[in-house]
Amino acid sequence: MTFDDVLALATAGFTADEIRKMTADTSKVEKPVEPVEAPKADFDAKAAYDSLSKDIASLTKLVQESNLLSASNPAPVKDDVDSILASIIRPTYRKDEK
């Protein structure tokens, strides 16, 4: 029984003797746990390393292809406030006409 449990019981109105009796009863019920060995698994480090290397290589290739694609396609140029206002005032206005 933890300190929080004892405190909760005390605030609930149990006396110290009643709490001692409860803790004495719970200590008799608990049995020691015997350690159990985990089953041994066959682990092939070479195969795991090869699989990881292939995954990293494919990820690297995807990132490089994505970078090449974004580098070859320039980002669209967004209009600034001046060009928007100019297009409202004069609809035929183009940014390169300045």
N, C-alpha and C. Protein backbone atom coordinates (compact mmCIF):
# COMPACT_ATOMS: atom_id res chain seq x y z
N MET A 1 0.85 -1.16 0.00
CA MET A 1 0.00 0.00 0.00
C MET A 1 0.90 1.23 0.00
N THR A 2 0.59 2.15 -0.86
CA THR A 2 1.42 3.35 -0.98
C THR A 2 0.94 4.43 -0.01
N PHE A 3 1.74 5.46 0.09
CA PHE A 3 1.41 6.58 0.98
C PHE A 3 0.11 7.24 0.55
N ASP A 4 -0.10 7.35 -0.75
CA ASP A 4 -1.34 7.97 -1.25
C ASP A 4 -2.57 7.16 -0.85
N ASP A 5 -2.44 5.82 -0.87
CA ASP A 5 -3.55 4.96 -0.46
C ASP A 5 -3.87 5.17 1.02
N VAL A 6 -2.83 5.23 1.86
CA VAL A 6 -3.03 5.44 3.29
C VAL A 6 -3.68 6.80 3.52
N LEU A 7 -3.21 7.80 2.82
CA LEU A 7 -3.76 9.14 2.97
C LEU A 7 -5.23 9.19 2.54
N ALA A 8 -5.57 8.50 1.47
CA ALA A 8 -6.95 8.46 1.00
C ALA A 8 -7.84 7.76 2.03
N LEU A 9 -7.35 6.67 2.61
CA LEU A 9 -8.12 5.97 3.63
C LEU A 9 -8.31 6.83 4.88
N ALA A 10 -7.26 7.55 5.26
CA ALA A 10 -7.34 8.41 6.45
C ALA A 10 -8.34 9.55 6.22
N THR A 11 -8.36 10.11 5.03
CA THR A 11 -9.32 11.19 4.75
C THR A 11 -10.73 10.65 4.61
N ALA A 12 -10.86 9.37 4.30
CA ALA A 12 -12.18 8.75 4.19
C ALA A 12 -12.76 8.43 5.57
N GLY A 13 -11.94 8.52 6.64
CA GLY A 13 -12.46 8.33 7.99
C GLY A 13 -12.00 7.06 8.67
N PHE A 14 -11.10 6.31 8.05
CA PHE A 14 -10.59 5.11 8.70
C PHE A 14 -9.59 5.49 9.78
N THR A 15 -9.55 4.69 10.83
CA THR A 15 -8.59 4.95 11.92
C THR A 15 -7.27 4.29 11.58
N ALA A 16 -6.24 4.62 12.38
CA ALA A 16 -4.91 4.05 12.14
C ALA A 16 -4.92 2.55 12.33
N ASP A 17 -5.67 2.06 13.31
CA ASP A 17 -5.73 0.62 13.55
C ASP A 17 -6.40 -0.10 12.37
N GLU A 18 -7.45 0.48 11.84
CA GLU A 18 -8.12 -0.14 10.71
C GLU A 18 -7.21 -0.18 9.48
N ILE A 19 -6.46 0.88 9.28
CA ILE A 19 -5.53 0.92 8.14
C ILE A 19 -4.43 -0.11 8.33
N ARG A 20 -3.92 -0.27 9.57
CA ARG A 20 -2.88 -1.28 9.84
C ARG A 20 -3.41 -2.68 9.55
N LYS A 21 -4.66 -2.94 9.93
CA LYS A 21 -5.24 -4.26 9.67
C LYS A 21 -5.35 -4.51 8.17
N MET A 22 -5.71 -3.46 7.42
CA MET A 22 -5.82 -3.62 5.96
C MET A 22 -4.47 -3.90 5.32
N THR A 23 -3.45 -3.20 5.77
CA THR A 23 -2.11 -3.42 5.20
C THR A 23 -1.55 -4.76 5.61
N ALA A 24 -1.89 -5.23 6.80
CA ALA A 24 -1.41 -6.55 7.24
C ALA A 24 -2.06 -7.64 6.41
N ASP A 25 -3.33 -7.48 6.06
CA ASP A 25 -4.02 -8.48 5.27
C ASP A 25 -3.48 -8.54 3.84
N THR A 26 -3.15 -7.39 3.27
CA THR A 26 -2.68 -7.38 1.88
C THR A 26 -1.27 -7.94 1.77
N SER A 27 -0.46 -7.82 2.81
CA SER A 27 0.90 -8.35 2.72
C SER A 27 0.89 -9.87 2.73
N LYS A 28 -0.13 -10.49 3.33
CA LYS A 28 -0.22 -11.94 3.35
C LYS A 28 -0.66 -12.48 1.99
N VAL A 29 -1.46 -11.72 1.29
CA VAL A 29 -2.01 -12.18 0.02
C VAL A 29 -0.97 -12.17 -1.08
N GLU A 30 -0.07 -11.21 -1.04
CA GLU A 30 0.92 -11.07 -2.12
C GLU A 30 1.91 -12.22 -2.09
N LYS A 31 2.15 -12.78 -3.26
CA LYS A 31 3.12 -13.85 -3.40
C LYS A 31 4.29 -13.33 -4.20
N PRO A 32 5.48 -13.78 -3.88
CA PRO A 32 6.63 -13.33 -4.67
C PRO A 32 6.53 -13.85 -6.10
N VAL A 33 6.90 -13.01 -7.00
CA VAL A 33 6.83 -13.35 -8.42
C VAL A 33 8.14 -14.01 -8.82
N GLU A 34 8.01 -15.15 -9.47
CA GLU A 34 9.20 -15.86 -9.92
C GLU A 34 9.60 -15.31 -11.29
N PRO A 35 10.87 -15.06 -11.47
CA PRO A 35 11.30 -14.54 -12.78
C PRO A 35 11.11 -15.59 -13.87
N VAL A 36 10.64 -15.14 -15.00
CA VAL A 36 10.41 -16.01 -16.14
C VAL A 36 11.38 -15.61 -17.23
N GLU A 37 12.03 -16.60 -17.79
CA GLU A 37 12.97 -16.31 -18.87
C GLU A 37 12.21 -16.00 -20.15
N ALA A 38 12.65 -14.98 -20.83
CA ALA A 38 12.06 -14.63 -22.11
C ALA A 38 12.53 -15.63 -23.16
N PRO A 39 11.65 -16.00 -24.06
CA PRO A 39 12.08 -16.93 -25.11
C PRO A 39 13.14 -16.27 -25.99
N LYS A 40 14.14 -17.04 -26.30
CA LYS A 40 15.24 -16.51 -27.12
C LYS A 40 14.84 -16.56 -28.58
N ALA A 41 14.96 -15.44 -29.23
CA ALA A 41 14.61 -15.35 -30.65
C ALA A 41 15.89 -15.40 -31.47
N ASP A 42 15.77 -16.03 -32.61
CA ASP A 42 16.92 -16.05 -33.53
C ASP A 42 16.98 -14.69 -34.22
N PHE A 43 18.06 -13.99 -34.03
CA PHE A 43 18.22 -12.66 -34.59
C PHE A 43 19.39 -12.69 -35.56
N ASP A 44 19.12 -12.35 -36.79
CA ASP A 44 20.14 -12.33 -37.81
C ASP A 44 20.53 -10.87 -38.05
N ALA A 45 21.65 -10.47 -37.49
CA ALA A 45 22.09 -9.08 -37.59
C ALA A 45 22.44 -8.71 -39.02
N LYS A 46 22.99 -9.63 -39.77
CA LYS A 46 23.38 -9.35 -41.15
C LYS A 46 22.14 -9.03 -42.00
N ALA A 47 21.09 -9.82 -41.83
CA ALA A 47 19.87 -9.60 -42.61
C ALA A 47 19.22 -8.28 -42.20
N ALA A 48 19.22 -7.98 -40.90
CA ALA A 48 18.64 -6.73 -40.44
C ALA A 48 19.42 -5.54 -40.98
N TYR A 49 20.74 -5.64 -41.00
CA TYR A 49 21.58 -4.57 -41.53
C TYR A 49 21.33 -4.38 -43.02
N ASP A 50 21.24 -5.48 -43.76
CA ASP A 50 20.98 -5.39 -45.20
C ASP A 50 19.63 -4.73 -45.48
N SER A 51 18.61 -5.12 -44.72
CA SER A 51 17.29 -4.54 -44.89
C SER A 51 17.30 -3.05 -44.58
N LEU A 52 17.97 -2.69 -43.51
CA LEU A 52 18.06 -1.28 -43.13
C LEU A 52 18.82 -0.48 -44.19
N SER A 53 19.88 -1.04 -44.72
CA SER A 53 20.66 -0.36 -45.76
C SER A 53 19.82 -0.12 -47.01
N LYS A 54 19.02 -1.11 -47.39
CA LYS A 54 18.15 -0.95 -48.56
C LYS A 54 17.11 0.13 -48.32
N ASP A 55 16.53 0.15 -47.12
CA ASP A 55 15.52 1.17 -46.79
C ASP A 55 16.13 2.56 -46.81
N ILE A 56 17.31 2.71 -46.27
CA ILE A 56 17.98 4.02 -46.26
C ILE A 56 18.33 4.45 -47.67
N ALA A 57 18.78 3.52 -48.49
CA ALA A 57 19.13 3.85 -49.88
C ALA A 57 17.89 4.30 -50.66
N SER A 58 16.77 3.62 -50.46
CA SER A 58 15.56 4.02 -51.19
C SER A 58 15.05 5.37 -50.69
N LEU A 59 15.16 5.63 -49.39
CA LEU A 59 14.75 6.92 -48.85
C LEU A 59 15.65 8.04 -49.38
N THR A 60 16.93 7.79 -49.44
CA THR A 60 17.86 8.78 -49.98
C THR A 60 17.54 9.08 -51.44
N LYS A 61 17.24 8.06 -52.20
CA LYS A 61 16.90 8.25 -53.61
C LYS A 61 15.63 9.09 -53.76
N LEU A 62 14.62 8.82 -52.94
CA LEU A 62 13.38 9.59 -53.00
C LEU A 62 13.61 11.05 -52.65
N VAL A 63 14.42 11.31 -51.64
CA VAL A 63 14.70 12.69 -51.24
C VAL A 63 15.45 13.42 -52.35
N GLN A 64 16.43 12.75 -52.95
CA GLN A 64 17.18 13.38 -54.03
C GLN A 64 16.29 13.68 -55.23
N GLU A 65 15.41 12.75 -55.58
CA GLU A 65 14.50 12.99 -56.70
C GLU A 65 13.55 14.14 -56.40
N SER A 66 13.10 14.21 -55.17
CA SER A 66 12.21 15.31 -54.78
C SER A 66 12.93 16.64 -54.85
N ASN A 67 14.18 16.66 -54.41
CA ASN A 67 14.96 17.90 -54.47
C ASN A 67 15.22 18.33 -55.91
N LEU A 68 15.51 17.38 -56.78
CA LEU A 68 15.72 17.71 -58.19
C LEU A 68 14.45 18.24 -58.83
N LEU A 69 13.33 17.65 -58.49
CA LEU A 69 12.06 18.08 -59.04
C LEU A 69 11.72 19.49 -58.59
N SER A 70 11.91 19.77 -57.31
CA SER A 70 11.58 21.11 -56.82
C SER A 70 12.59 22.15 -57.30
N ALA A 71 13.82 21.74 -57.58
CA ALA A 71 14.81 22.68 -58.09
C ALA A 71 14.56 23.02 -59.55
N SER A 72 14.03 22.07 -60.32
CA SER A 72 13.80 22.33 -61.73
C SER A 72 12.50 23.10 -61.97
N ASN A 73 11.59 23.06 -61.03
CA ASN A 73 10.34 23.82 -61.14
C ASN A 73 10.42 25.01 -60.20
N PRO A 74 10.60 26.20 -60.74
CA PRO A 74 10.69 27.36 -59.85
C PRO A 74 9.36 27.62 -59.15
N ALA A 75 9.45 28.20 -58.00
CA ALA A 75 8.25 28.51 -57.23
C ALA A 75 7.48 29.61 -57.95
N PRO A 76 6.17 29.53 -57.91
CA PRO A 76 5.38 30.58 -58.57
C PRO A 76 5.58 31.93 -57.87
N VAL A 77 5.62 32.96 -58.67
CA VAL A 77 5.84 34.30 -58.14
C VAL A 77 4.49 34.84 -57.66
N LYS A 78 4.45 35.25 -56.41
CA LYS A 78 3.21 35.79 -55.86
C LYS A 78 3.16 37.29 -56.11
N ASP A 79 1.97 37.77 -56.33
CA ASP A 79 1.78 39.20 -56.55
C ASP A 79 1.99 39.95 -55.24
N ASP A 80 2.57 41.11 -55.36
CA ASP A 80 2.71 41.96 -54.18
C ASP A 80 1.55 42.95 -54.13
N VAL A 81 1.48 43.73 -53.07
CA VAL A 81 0.37 44.65 -52.86
C VAL A 81 0.28 45.68 -53.98
N ASP A 82 1.41 46.18 -54.42
CA ASP A 82 1.41 47.20 -55.46
C ASP A 82 0.82 46.69 -56.77
N SER A 83 1.19 45.49 -57.16
CA SER A 83 0.66 44.95 -58.42
C SER A 83 -0.82 44.62 -58.31
N ILE A 84 -1.29 44.21 -57.15
CA ILE A 84 -2.72 43.94 -56.98
C ILE A 84 -3.52 45.22 -57.09
N LEU A 85 -3.04 46.27 -56.39
CA LEU A 85 -3.74 47.56 -56.48
C LEU A 85 -3.71 48.12 -57.90
N ALA A 86 -2.58 47.97 -58.56
CA ALA A 86 -2.48 48.46 -59.94
C ALA A 86 -3.41 47.71 -60.86
N SER A 87 -3.58 46.42 -60.66
CA SER A 87 -4.49 45.65 -61.52
C SER A 87 -5.94 46.00 -61.25
N ILE A 88 -6.26 46.47 -60.03
CA ILE A 88 -7.62 46.91 -59.74
C ILE A 88 -7.89 48.26 -60.41
N ILE A 89 -6.91 49.15 -60.32
CA ILE A 89 -7.06 50.48 -60.91
C ILE A 89 -7.05 50.38 -62.42
N ARG A 90 -6.08 49.66 -62.96
CA ARG A 90 -5.97 49.50 -64.41
C ARG A 90 -5.87 48.01 -64.71
N PRO A 91 -6.96 47.36 -65.12
CA PRO A 91 -6.98 45.91 -65.30
C PRO A 91 -5.98 45.39 -66.32
N THR A 92 -5.49 46.20 -67.21
CA THR A 92 -4.55 45.73 -68.20
C THR A 92 -3.11 45.83 -67.72
N TYR A 93 -2.91 46.26 -66.47
CA TYR A 93 -1.56 46.46 -65.92
C TYR A 93 -0.84 45.11 -65.77
N ARG A 94 0.42 45.13 -66.14
CA ARG A 94 1.27 43.97 -65.93
C ARG A 94 2.47 44.41 -65.11
N LYS A 95 3.00 43.51 -64.35
CA LYS A 95 4.11 43.85 -63.45
C LYS A 95 5.35 44.29 -64.23
N ASP A 96 5.57 43.71 -65.41
CA ASP A 96 6.77 44.01 -66.19
C ASP A 96 6.61 45.32 -66.99
N GLU A 97 5.47 45.97 -66.97
CA GLU A 97 5.25 47.22 -67.71
C GLU A 97 5.78 48.46 -67.00
N LYS A 98 6.07 48.39 -65.74
CA LYS A 98 6.49 49.55 -64.96
C LYS A 98 7.35 50.43 -65.76
